[in-house]
Amino acid sequence: PGNPFYNITTALEIRGAPDLAALRTTLDEIDRRHESL
């Protein structure tokens, strides 16, 4: 139980000023399109 052996993690570094509205829209679209998430 709770062992994350099948998870794949990653970290991203964003340099500069991110477009937060575009990032939020992108994450919401990923959520909408991918039932597995």
Full PDB file with SEQRES, HELIX, SHEET, SSBOND, CRYST1, ORIGX, SCALE, CONECT and MASTER records, all heavy atoms in Angstrom:
SEQRES   1 A   37  PRO GLY ASN PRO PHE TYR ASN ILE THR THR ALA LEU GLU          
SEQRES   2 A   37  ILE ARG GLY ALA PRO ASP LEU ALA ALA LEU ARG THR THR          
SEQRES   3 A   37  LEU ASP GLU ILE ASP ARG ARG HIS GLU SER LEU                  
HELIX    1 AA1 LEU A   20  ARG A   33  1                                  14    
CRYST1    1.000    1.000    1.000  90.00  90.00  90.00 P 1           1          
ORIGX1      1.000000  0.000000  0.000000        0.00000                         
ORIGX2      0.000000  1.000000  0.000000        0.00000                         
ORIGX3      0.000000  0.000000  1.000000        0.00000                         
SCALE1      1.000000  0.000000  0.000000        0.00000                         
SCALE2      0.000000  1.000000  0.000000        0.00000                         
SCALE3      0.000000  0.000000  1.000000        0.00000                         
ATOM      1  N   PRO A   1       0.804  -1.228   0.000  1.00  0.00           N  
ATOM      2  CA  PRO A   1       0.000   0.000   0.000  1.00  0.00           C  
ATOM      3  C   PRO A   1       0.838   1.279   0.000  1.00  0.00           C  
ATOM      4  O   PRO A   1       1.818   1.396   0.730  1.00  0.00           O  
ATOM      5  CB  PRO A   1      -0.809  -0.107   1.300  1.00  0.00           C  
ATOM      6  CG  PRO A   1      -0.831  -1.557   1.623  1.00  0.00           C  
ATOM      7  CD  PRO A   1       0.479  -2.101   1.124  1.00  0.00           C  
ATOM      8  N   GLY A   2       0.434   2.206  -0.866  1.00  0.00           N  
ATOM      9  CA  GLY A   2       1.084   3.515  -0.905  1.00  0.00           C  
ATOM     10  C   GLY A   2       2.426   3.558  -1.595  1.00  0.00           C  
ATOM     11  O   GLY A   2       3.027   4.626  -1.710  1.00  0.00           O  
ATOM     12  N   ASN A   3       2.919   2.435  -2.066  1.00  0.00           N  
ATOM     13  CA  ASN A   3       4.217   2.423  -2.743  1.00  0.00           C  
ATOM     14  C   ASN A   3       4.049   3.026  -4.132  1.00  0.00           C  
ATOM     15  O   ASN A   3       3.243   2.549  -4.926  1.00  0.00           O  
ATOM     16  CB  ASN A   3       4.743   0.987  -2.852  1.00  0.00           C  
ATOM     17  CG  ASN A   3       6.161   0.921  -3.346  1.00  0.00           C  
ATOM     18  OD1 ASN A   3       6.609   1.760  -4.114  1.00  0.00           O  
ATOM     19  ND2 ASN A   3       6.882  -0.089  -2.899  1.00  0.00           N  
ATOM     20  N   PRO A   4       4.802   4.065  -4.454  1.00  0.00           N  
ATOM     21  CA  PRO A   4       4.622   4.748  -5.749  1.00  0.00           C  
ATOM     22  C   PRO A   4       5.475   4.161  -6.871  1.00  0.00           C  
ATOM     23  O   PRO A   4       5.876   4.862  -7.777  1.00  0.00           O  
ATOM     24  CB  PRO A   4       5.069   6.176  -5.422  1.00  0.00           C  
ATOM     25  CG  PRO A   4       6.148   5.978  -4.410  1.00  0.00           C  
ATOM     26  CD  PRO A   4       5.696   4.796  -3.575  1.00  0.00           C  
ATOM     27  N   PHE A   5       5.736   2.846  -6.864  1.00  0.00           N  
ATOM     28  CA  PHE A   5       6.649   2.274  -7.857  1.00  0.00           C  
ATOM     29  C   PHE A   5       6.169   2.397  -9.286  1.00  0.00           C  
ATOM     30  O   PHE A   5       6.948   2.253 -10.208  1.00  0.00           O  
ATOM     31  CB  PHE A   5       6.997   0.817  -7.546  1.00  0.00           C  
ATOM     32  CG  PHE A   5       5.850  -0.068  -7.168  1.00  0.00           C  
ATOM     33  CD1 PHE A   5       4.867  -0.409  -8.065  1.00  0.00           C  
ATOM     34  CD2 PHE A   5       5.780  -0.574  -5.884  1.00  0.00           C  
ATOM     35  CE1 PHE A   5       3.818  -1.230  -7.702  1.00  0.00           C  
ATOM     36  CE2 PHE A   5       4.733  -1.408  -5.509  1.00  0.00           C  
ATOM     37  CZ  PHE A   5       3.753  -1.730  -6.413  1.00  0.00           C  
ATOM     38  N   TYR A   6       4.921   2.690  -9.521  1.00  0.00           N  
ATOM     39  CA  TYR A   6       4.433   2.840 -10.892  1.00  0.00           C  
ATOM     40  C   TYR A   6       4.241   4.307 -11.274  1.00  0.00           C  
ATOM     41  O   TYR A   6       3.745   4.612 -12.345  1.00  0.00           O  
ATOM     42  CB  TYR A   6       3.138   2.056 -11.114  1.00  0.00           C  
ATOM     43  CG  TYR A   6       2.062   2.368 -10.106  1.00  0.00           C  
ATOM     44  CD1 TYR A   6       1.208   3.441 -10.296  1.00  0.00           C  
ATOM     45  CD2 TYR A   6       1.907   1.587  -8.976  1.00  0.00           C  
ATOM     46  CE1 TYR A   6       0.228   3.738  -9.371  1.00  0.00           C  
ATOM     47  CE2 TYR A   6       0.916   1.878  -8.047  1.00  0.00           C  
ATOM     48  CZ  TYR A   6       0.090   2.946  -8.261  1.00  0.00           C  
ATOM     49  OH  TYR A   6      -0.879   3.233  -7.349  1.00  0.00           O  
ATOM     50  N   ASN A   7       4.611   5.224 -10.408  1.00  0.00           N  
ATOM     51  CA  ASN A   7       4.502   6.655 -10.718  1.00  0.00           C  
ATOM     52  C   ASN A   7       5.770   7.148 -11.403  1.00  0.00           C  
ATOM     53  O   ASN A   7       6.871   6.692 -11.102  1.00  0.00           O  
ATOM     54  CB  ASN A   7       4.291   7.479  -9.443  1.00  0.00           C  
ATOM     55  CG  ASN A   7       2.940   7.232  -8.820  1.00  0.00           C  
ATOM     56  OD1 ASN A   7       2.039   6.719  -9.456  1.00  0.00           O  
ATOM     57  ND2 ASN A   7       2.803   7.595  -7.565  1.00  0.00           N  
ATOM     58  N   ILE A   8       5.593   8.070 -12.304  1.00  0.00           N  
ATOM     59  CA  ILE A   8       6.726   8.730 -12.965  1.00  0.00           C  
ATOM     60  C   ILE A   8       6.603  10.209 -12.627  1.00  0.00           C  
ATOM     61  O   ILE A   8       5.599  10.842 -12.946  1.00  0.00           O  
ATOM     62  CB  ILE A   8       6.691   8.518 -14.491  1.00  0.00           C  
ATOM     63  CG1 ILE A   8       6.755   7.024 -14.812  1.00  0.00           C  
ATOM     64  CG2 ILE A   8       7.831   9.284 -15.161  1.00  0.00           C  
ATOM     65  CD1 ILE A   8       6.521   6.703 -16.270  1.00  0.00           C  
ATOM     66  N   THR A   9       7.606  10.744 -11.974  1.00  0.00           N  
ATOM     67  CA  THR A   9       7.547  12.146 -11.584  1.00  0.00           C  
ATOM     68  C   THR A   9       8.582  12.949 -12.354  1.00  0.00           C  
ATOM     69  O   THR A   9       9.576  12.414 -12.848  1.00  0.00           O  
ATOM     70  CB  THR A   9       7.809  12.304 -10.076  1.00  0.00           C  
ATOM     71  OG1 THR A   9       9.114  11.805  -9.783  1.00  0.00           O  
ATOM     72  CG2 THR A   9       6.783  11.547  -9.261  1.00  0.00           C  
ATOM     73  N   THR A  10       8.334  14.218 -12.442  1.00  0.00           N  
ATOM     74  CA  THR A  10       9.272  15.124 -13.094  1.00  0.00           C  
ATOM     75  C   THR A  10       9.045  16.519 -12.529  1.00  0.00           C  
ATOM     76  O   THR A  10       8.004  16.802 -11.941  1.00  0.00           O  
ATOM     77  CB  THR A  10       9.090  15.122 -14.627  1.00  0.00           C  
ATOM     78  OG1 THR A  10      10.145  15.854 -15.224  1.00  0.00           O  
ATOM     79  CG2 THR A  10       7.770  15.724 -15.042  1.00  0.00           C  
ATOM     80  N   ALA A  11      10.040  17.350 -12.695  1.00  0.00           N  
ATOM     81  CA  ALA A  11       9.934  18.749 -12.279  1.00  0.00           C  
ATOM     82  C   ALA A  11      10.366  19.613 -13.459  1.00  0.00           C  
ATOM     83  O   ALA A  11      11.249  19.235 -14.233  1.00  0.00           O  
ATOM     84  CB  ALA A  11      10.823  19.027 -11.071  1.00  0.00           C  
ATOM     85  N   LEU A  12       9.713  20.737 -13.600  1.00  0.00           N  
ATOM     86  CA  LEU A  12      10.036  21.668 -14.668  1.00  0.00           C  
ATOM     87  C   LEU A  12      10.407  23.006 -14.068  1.00  0.00           C  
ATOM     88  O   LEU A  12       9.813  23.441 -13.079  1.00  0.00           O  
ATOM     89  CB  LEU A  12       8.843  21.856 -15.607  1.00  0.00           C  
ATOM     90  CG  LEU A  12       8.304  20.613 -16.297  1.00  0.00           C  
ATOM     91  CD1 LEU A  12       7.019  20.953 -17.042  1.00  0.00           C  
ATOM     92  CD2 LEU A  12       9.331  20.041 -17.245  1.00  0.00           C  
ATOM     93  N   GLU A  13      11.366  23.655 -14.677  1.00  0.00           N  
ATOM     94  CA  GLU A  13      11.727  25.003 -14.259  1.00  0.00           C  
ATOM     95  C   GLU A  13      11.292  25.954 -15.360  1.00  0.00           C  
ATOM     96  O   GLU A  13      11.621  25.759 -16.523  1.00  0.00           O  
ATOM     97  CB  GLU A  13      13.230  25.124 -14.051  1.00  0.00           C  
ATOM     98  CG  GLU A  13      13.661  26.511 -13.636  1.00  0.00           C  
ATOM     99  CD  GLU A  13      15.165  26.624 -13.444  1.00  0.00           C  
ATOM    100  OE1 GLU A  13      15.854  25.597 -13.412  1.00  0.00           O  
ATOM    101  OE2 GLU A  13      15.644  27.764 -13.337  1.00  0.00           O  
ATOM    102  N   ILE A  14      10.511  26.950 -14.969  1.00  0.00           N  
ATOM    103  CA  ILE A  14      10.055  27.952 -15.927  1.00  0.00           C  
ATOM    104  C   ILE A  14      10.874  29.207 -15.692  1.00  0.00           C  
ATOM    105  O   ILE A  14      10.908  29.736 -14.582  1.00  0.00           O  
ATOM    106  CB  ILE A  14       8.553  28.250 -15.757  1.00  0.00           C  
ATOM    107  CG1 ILE A  14       7.742  26.974 -15.994  1.00  0.00           C  
ATOM    108  CG2 ILE A  14       8.114  29.371 -16.694  1.00  0.00           C  
ATOM    109  CD1 ILE A  14       6.265  27.119 -15.705  1.00  0.00           C  
ATOM    110  N   ARG A  15      11.512  29.663 -16.719  1.00  0.00           N  
ATOM    111  CA  ARG A  15      12.301  30.896 -16.615  1.00  0.00           C  
ATOM    112  C   ARG A  15      11.531  32.037 -17.262  1.00  0.00           C  
ATOM    113  O   ARG A  15      10.883  31.862 -18.275  1.00  0.00           O  
ATOM    114  CB  ARG A  15      13.652  30.716 -17.301  1.00  0.00           C  
ATOM    115  CG  ARG A  15      14.495  29.689 -16.594  1.00  0.00           C  
ATOM    116  CD  ARG A  15      15.862  29.606 -17.175  1.00  0.00           C  
ATOM    117  NE  ARG A  15      16.614  28.583 -16.439  1.00  0.00           N  
ATOM    118  CZ  ARG A  15      17.766  28.140 -16.793  1.00  0.00           C  
ATOM    119  NH1 ARG A  15      18.356  28.618 -17.863  1.00  0.00           N  
ATOM    120  NH2 ARG A  15      18.372  27.228 -16.071  1.00  0.00           N  
ATOM    121  N   GLY A  16      11.627  33.189 -16.658  1.00  0.00           N  
ATOM    122  CA  GLY A  16      10.903  34.338 -17.188  1.00  0.00           C  
ATOM    123  C   GLY A  16       9.508  34.393 -16.609  1.00  0.00           C  
ATOM    124  O   GLY A  16       9.121  33.596 -15.761  1.00  0.00           O  
ATOM    125  N   ALA A  17       8.747  35.337 -17.067  1.00  0.00           N  
ATOM    126  CA  ALA A  17       7.386  35.524 -16.575  1.00  0.00           C  
ATOM    127  C   ALA A  17       6.446  34.584 -17.330  1.00  0.00           C  
ATOM    128  O   ALA A  17       6.234  34.746 -18.528  1.00  0.00           O  
ATOM    129  CB  ALA A  17       6.952  36.976 -16.771  1.00  0.00           C  
ATOM    130  N   PRO A  18       5.882  33.596 -16.641  1.00  0.00           N  
ATOM    131  CA  PRO A  18       4.964  32.680 -17.326  1.00  0.00           C  
ATOM    132  C   PRO A  18       3.630  33.345 -17.612  1.00  0.00           C  
ATOM    133  O   PRO A  18       3.194  34.236 -16.889  1.00  0.00           O  
ATOM    134  CB  PRO A  18       4.802  31.532 -16.328  1.00  0.00           C  
ATOM    135  CG  PRO A  18       5.049  32.152 -14.997  1.00  0.00           C  
ATOM    136  CD  PRO A  18       6.063  33.247 -15.227  1.00  0.00           C  
ATOM    137  N   ASP A  19       2.987  32.890 -18.669  1.00  0.00           N  
ATOM    138  CA  ASP A  19       1.629  33.335 -18.979  1.00  0.00           C  
ATOM    139  C   ASP A  19       0.694  32.446 -18.159  1.00  0.00           C  
ATOM    140  O   ASP A  19       0.350  31.336 -18.572  1.00  0.00           O  
ATOM    141  CB  ASP A  19       1.373  33.189 -20.479  1.00  0.00           C  
ATOM    142  CG  ASP A  19      -0.006  33.666 -20.902  1.00  0.00           C  
ATOM    143  OD1 ASP A  19      -0.907  33.759 -20.029  1.00  0.00           O  
ATOM    144  OD2 ASP A  19      -0.178  33.934 -22.103  1.00  0.00           O  
ATOM    145  N   LEU A  20       0.317  32.906 -16.970  1.00  0.00           N  
ATOM    146  CA  LEU A  20      -0.458  32.087 -16.047  1.00  0.00           C  
ATOM    147  C   LEU A  20      -1.825  31.697 -16.596  1.00  0.00           C  
ATOM    148  O   LEU A  20      -2.301  30.588 -16.354  1.00  0.00           O  
ATOM    149  CB  LEU A  20      -0.603  32.800 -14.698  1.00  0.00           C  
ATOM    150  CG  LEU A  20       0.714  33.024 -13.942  1.00  0.00           C  
ATOM    151  CD1 LEU A  20       0.455  33.774 -12.646  1.00  0.00           C  
ATOM    152  CD2 LEU A  20       1.424  31.712 -13.674  1.00  0.00           C  
ATOM    153  N   ALA A  21      -2.441  32.600 -17.346  1.00  0.00           N  
ATOM    154  CA  ALA A  21      -3.745  32.276 -17.933  1.00  0.00           C  
ATOM    155  C   ALA A  21      -3.604  31.137 -18.942  1.00  0.00           C  
ATOM    156  O   ALA A  21      -4.423  30.204 -18.965  1.00  0.00           O  
ATOM    157  CB  ALA A  21      -4.363  33.512 -18.585  1.00  0.00           C  
ATOM    158  N   ALA A  22      -2.573  31.190 -19.775  1.00  0.00           N  
ATOM    159  CA  ALA A  22      -2.347  30.123 -20.758  1.00  0.00           C  
ATOM    160  C   ALA A  22      -1.994  28.808 -20.070  1.00  0.00           C  
ATOM    161  O   ALA A  22      -2.450  27.735 -20.479  1.00  0.00           O  
ATOM    162  CB  ALA A  22      -1.241  30.533 -21.729  1.00  0.00           C  
ATOM    163  N   LEU A  23      -1.192  28.887 -18.996  1.00  0.00           N  
ATOM    164  CA  LEU A  23      -0.829  27.681 -18.259  1.00  0.00           C  
ATOM    165  C   LEU A  23      -2.067  27.049 -17.623  1.00  0.00           C  
ATOM    166  O   LEU A  23      -2.273  25.839 -17.716  1.00  0.00           O  
ATOM    167  CB  LEU A  23       0.212  28.016 -17.189  1.00  0.00           C  
ATOM    168  CG  LEU A  23       0.701  26.854 -16.330  1.00  0.00           C  
ATOM    169  CD1 LEU A  23       1.286  25.737 -17.186  1.00  0.00           C  
ATOM    170  CD2 LEU A  23       1.724  27.353 -15.315  1.00  0.00           C  
ATOM    171  N   ARG A  24      -2.908  27.852 -17.018  1.00  0.00           N  
ATOM    172  CA  ARG A  24      -4.137  27.335 -16.403  1.00  0.00           C  
ATOM    173  C   ARG A  24      -5.055  26.719 -17.461  1.00  0.00           C  
ATOM    174  O   ARG A  24      -5.616  25.640 -17.268  1.00  0.00           O  
ATOM    175  CB  ARG A  24      -4.875  28.423 -15.642  1.00  0.00           C  
ATOM    176  CG  ARG A  24      -6.144  27.881 -15.011  1.00  0.00           C  
ATOM    177  CD  ARG A  24      -6.864  28.899 -14.139  1.00  0.00           C  
ATOM    178  NE  ARG A  24      -7.881  28.211 -13.394  1.00  0.00           N  
ATOM    179  CZ  ARG A  24      -7.718  27.670 -12.196  1.00  0.00           C  
ATOM    180  NH1 ARG A  24      -6.572  27.746 -11.597  1.00  0.00           N  
ATOM    181  NH2 ARG A  24      -8.706  27.050 -11.602  1.00  0.00           N  
ATOM    182  N   THR A  25      -5.217  27.389 -18.597  1.00  0.00           N  
ATOM    183  CA  THR A  25      -6.051  26.865 -19.682  1.00  0.00           C  
ATOM    184  C   THR A  25      -5.507  25.527 -20.179  1.00  0.00           C  
ATOM    185  O   THR A  25      -6.261  24.580 -20.422  1.00  0.00           O  
ATOM    186  CB  THR A  25      -6.118  27.879 -20.842  1.00  0.00           C  
ATOM    187  OG1 THR A  25      -6.702  29.083 -20.352  1.00  0.00           O  
ATOM    188  CG2 THR A  25      -6.932  27.355 -22.007  1.00  0.00           C  
ATOM    189  N   THR A  26      -4.187  25.429 -20.288  1.00  0.00           N  
ATOM    190  CA  THR A  26      -3.550  24.190 -20.743  1.00  0.00           C  
ATOM    191  C   THR A  26      -3.791  23.057 -19.754  1.00  0.00           C  
ATOM    192  O   THR A  26      -4.170  21.946 -20.141  1.00  0.00           O  
ATOM    193  CB  THR A  26      -2.037  24.415 -20.939  1.00  0.00           C  
ATOM    194  OG1 THR A  26      -1.852  25.434 -21.918  1.00  0.00           O  
ATOM    195  CG2 THR A  26      -1.338  23.149 -21.378  1.00  0.00           C  
ATOM    196  N   LEU A  27      -3.593  23.319 -18.459  1.00  0.00           N  
ATOM    197  CA  LEU A  27      -3.809  22.280 -17.446  1.00  0.00           C  
ATOM    198  C   LEU A  27      -5.276  21.856 -17.395  1.00  0.00           C  
ATOM    199  O   LEU A  27      -5.579  20.669 -17.253  1.00  0.00           O  
ATOM    200  CB  LEU A  27      -3.336  22.779 -16.078  1.00  0.00           C  
ATOM    201  CG  LEU A  27      -1.824  22.993 -15.947  1.00  0.00           C  
ATOM    202  CD1 LEU A  27      -1.497  23.625 -14.606  1.00  0.00           C  
ATOM    203  CD2 LEU A  27      -1.055  21.701 -16.152  1.00  0.00           C  
ATOM    204  N   ASP A  28      -6.184  22.808 -17.532  1.00  0.00           N  
ATOM    205  CA  ASP A  28      -7.612  22.467 -17.551  1.00  0.00           C  
ATOM    206  C   ASP A  28      -7.958  21.601 -18.765  1.00  0.00           C  
ATOM    207  O   ASP A  28      -8.772  20.679 -18.669  1.00  0.00           O  
ATOM    208  CB  ASP A  28      -8.476  23.730 -17.549  1.00  0.00           C  
ATOM    209  CG  ASP A  28      -8.495  24.429 -16.198  1.00  0.00           C  
ATOM    210  OD1 ASP A  28      -8.070  23.807 -15.196  1.00  0.00           O  
ATOM    211  OD2 ASP A  28      -8.940  25.587 -16.145  1.00  0.00           O  
ATOM    212  N   GLU A  29      -7.339  21.883 -19.895  1.00  0.00           N  
ATOM    213  CA  GLU A  29      -7.595  21.076 -21.100  1.00  0.00           C  
ATOM    214  C   GLU A  29      -7.035  19.665 -20.944  1.00  0.00           C  
ATOM    215  O   GLU A  29      -7.659  18.693 -21.370  1.00  0.00           O  
ATOM    216  CB  GLU A  29      -7.005  21.776 -22.334  1.00  0.00           C  
ATOM    217  CG  GLU A  29      -7.271  21.064 -23.633  1.00  0.00           C  
ATOM    218  CD  GLU A  29      -8.742  20.961 -24.033  1.00  0.00           C  
ATOM    219  OE1 GLU A  29      -9.621  21.567 -23.378  1.00  0.00           O  
ATOM    220  OE2 GLU A  29      -9.024  20.253 -25.019  1.00  0.00           O  
ATOM    221  N   ILE A  30      -5.878  19.543 -20.323  1.00  0.00           N  
ATOM    222  CA  ILE A  30      -5.325  18.211 -20.046  1.00  0.00           C  
ATOM    223  C   ILE A  30      -6.285  17.446 -19.146  1.00  0.00           C  
ATOM    224  O   ILE A  30      -6.585  16.270 -19.389  1.00  0.00           O  
ATOM    225  CB  ILE A  30      -3.924  18.327 -19.416  1.00  0.00           C  
ATOM    226  CG1 ILE A  30      -2.923  18.833 -20.470  1.00  0.00           C  
ATOM    227  CG2 ILE A  30      -3.461  16.984 -18.852  1.00  0.00           C  
ATOM    228  CD1 ILE A  30      -1.578  19.234 -19.901  1.00  0.00           C  
ATOM    229  N   ASP A  31      -6.801  18.089 -18.112  1.00  0.00           N  
ATOM    230  CA  ASP A  31      -7.768  17.471 -17.208  1.00  0.00           C  
ATOM    231  C   ASP A  31      -9.022  17.037 -17.969  1.00  0.00           C  
ATOM    232  O   ASP A  31      -9.545  15.939 -17.752  1.00  0.00           O  
ATOM    233  CB  ASP A  31      -8.126  18.465 -16.091  1.00  0.00           C  
ATOM    234  CG  ASP A  31      -9.169  17.928 -15.137  1.00  0.00           C  
ATOM    235  OD1 ASP A  31      -8.946  16.844 -14.552  1.00  0.00           O  
ATOM    236  OD2 ASP A  31     -10.219  18.588 -14.972  1.00  0.00           O  
ATOM    237  N   ARG A  32      -9.501  17.859 -18.865  1.00  0.00           N  
ATOM    238  CA  ARG A  32     -10.711  17.548 -19.629  1.00  0.00           C  
ATOM    239  C   ARG A  32     -10.501  16.367 -20.564  1.00  0.00           C  
ATOM    240  O   ARG A  32     -11.358  15.495 -20.693  1.00  0.00           O  
ATOM    241  CB  ARG A  32     -11.159  18.769 -20.437  1.00  0.00           C  
ATOM    242  CG  ARG A  32     -12.504  18.559 -21.150  1.00  0.00           C  
ATOM    243  CD  ARG A  32     -12.816  19.675 -22.126  1.00  0.00           C  
ATOM    244  NE  ARG A  32     -11.928  19.668 -23.282  1.00  0.00           N  
ATOM    245  CZ  ARG A  32     -12.022  18.810 -24.312  1.00  0.00           C  
ATOM    246  NH1 ARG A  32     -12.937  17.882 -24.332  1.00  0.00           N  
ATOM    247  NH2 ARG A  32     -11.179  18.891 -25.331  1.00  0.00           N  
ATOM    248  N   ARG A  33      -9.349  16.319 -21.220  1.00  0.00           N  
ATOM    249  CA  ARG A  33      -9.119  15.321 -22.272  1.00  0.00           C  
ATOM    250  C   ARG A  33      -8.674  13.956 -21.773  1.00  0.00           C  
ATOM    251  O   ARG A  33      -8.822  12.963 -22.485  1.00  0.00           O  
ATOM    252  CB  ARG A  33      -8.068  15.842 -23.253  1.00  0.00           C  
ATOM    253  CG  ARG A  33      -8.561  17.020 -24.060  1.00  0.00           C  
ATOM    254  CD  ARG A  33      -7.505  17.550 -24.982  1.00  0.00           C  
ATOM    255  NE  ARG A  33      -7.106  16.530 -25.939  1.00  0.00           N  
ATOM    256  CZ  ARG A  33      -6.168  16.691 -26.853  1.00  0.00           C  
ATOM    257  NH1 ARG A  33      -5.526  17.831 -26.928  1.00  0.00           N  
ATOM    258  NH2 ARG A  33      -5.861  15.741 -27.689  1.00  0.00           N  
ATOM    259  N   HIS A  34      -8.113  13.884 -20.576  1.00  0.00           N  
ATOM    260  CA  HIS A  34      -7.505  12.631 -20.130  1.00  0.00           C  
ATOM    261  C   HIS A  34      -8.237  12.057 -18.917  1.00  0.00           C  
ATOM    262  O   HIS A  34      -7.966  12.407 -17.772  1.00  0.00           O  
ATOM    263  CB  HIS A  34      -6.017  12.848 -19.827  1.00  0.00           C  
ATOM    264  CG  HIS A  34      -5.242  13.233 -21.038  1.00  0.00           C  
ATOM    265  ND1 HIS A  34      -4.837  12.313 -21.981  1.00  0.00           N  
ATOM    266  CD2 HIS A  34      -4.845  14.440 -21.492  1.00  0.00           C  
ATOM    267  CE1 HIS A  34      -4.198  12.943 -22.955  1.00  0.00           C  
ATOM    268  NE2 HIS A  34      -4.187  14.233 -22.688  1.00  0.00           N  
ATOM    269  N   GLU A  35      -9.147  11.126 -19.195  1.00  0.00           N  
ATOM    270  CA  GLU A  35      -9.929  10.494 -18.135  1.00  0.00           C  
ATOM    271  C   GLU A  35      -9.044   9.783 -17.124  1.00  0.00           C  
ATOM    272  O   GLU A  35      -9.377   9.725 -15.937  1.00  0.00           O  
ATOM    273  CB  GLU A  35     -10.919   9.492 -18.731  1.00  0.00           C  
ATOM    274  CG  GLU A  35     -12.045  10.127 -19.488  1.00  0.00           C  
ATOM    275  CD  GLU A  35     -12.994   9.098 -20.078  1.00  0.00           C  
ATOM    276  OE1 GLU A  35     -12.618   7.909 -20.190  1.00  0.00           O  
ATOM    277  OE2 GLU A  35     -14.123   9.484 -20.408  1.00  0.00           O  
ATOM    278  N   SER A  36      -7.912   9.254 -17.570  1.00  0.00           N  
ATOM    279  CA  SER A  36      -7.043   8.507 -16.651  1.00  0.00           C  
ATOM    280  C   SER A  36      -6.555   9.378 -15.502  1.00  0.00           C  
ATOM    281  O   SER A  36      -6.279   8.870 -14.411  1.00  0.00           O  
ATOM    282  CB  SER A  36      -5.856   7.901 -17.402  1.00  0.00           C  
ATOM    283  OG  SER A  36      -5.064   8.924 -17.973  1.00  0.00           O  
ATOM    284  N   LEU A  37      -6.466  10.680 -15.709  1.00  0.00           N  
ATOM    285  CA  LEU A  37      -6.028  11.584 -14.645  1.00  0.00           C  
ATOM    286  C   LEU A  37      -7.153  11.881 -13.650  1.00  0.00           C  
ATOM    287  O   LEU A  37      -6.903  12.432 -12.583  1.00  0.00           O  
ATOM    288  CB  LEU A  37      -5.501  12.891 -15.241  1.00  0.00           C  
ATOM    289  CG  LEU A  37      -4.289  12.746 -16.155  1.00  0.00           C  
ATOM    290  CD1 LEU A  37      -3.944  14.087 -16.783  1.00  0.00           C  
ATOM    291  CD2 LEU A  37      -3.109  12.171 -15.399  1.00  0.00           C  
TER     292      LEU A  37                                                      
MASTER        0    0    0    1    0    0    0    6  291    1    0    3          
END                                                                             
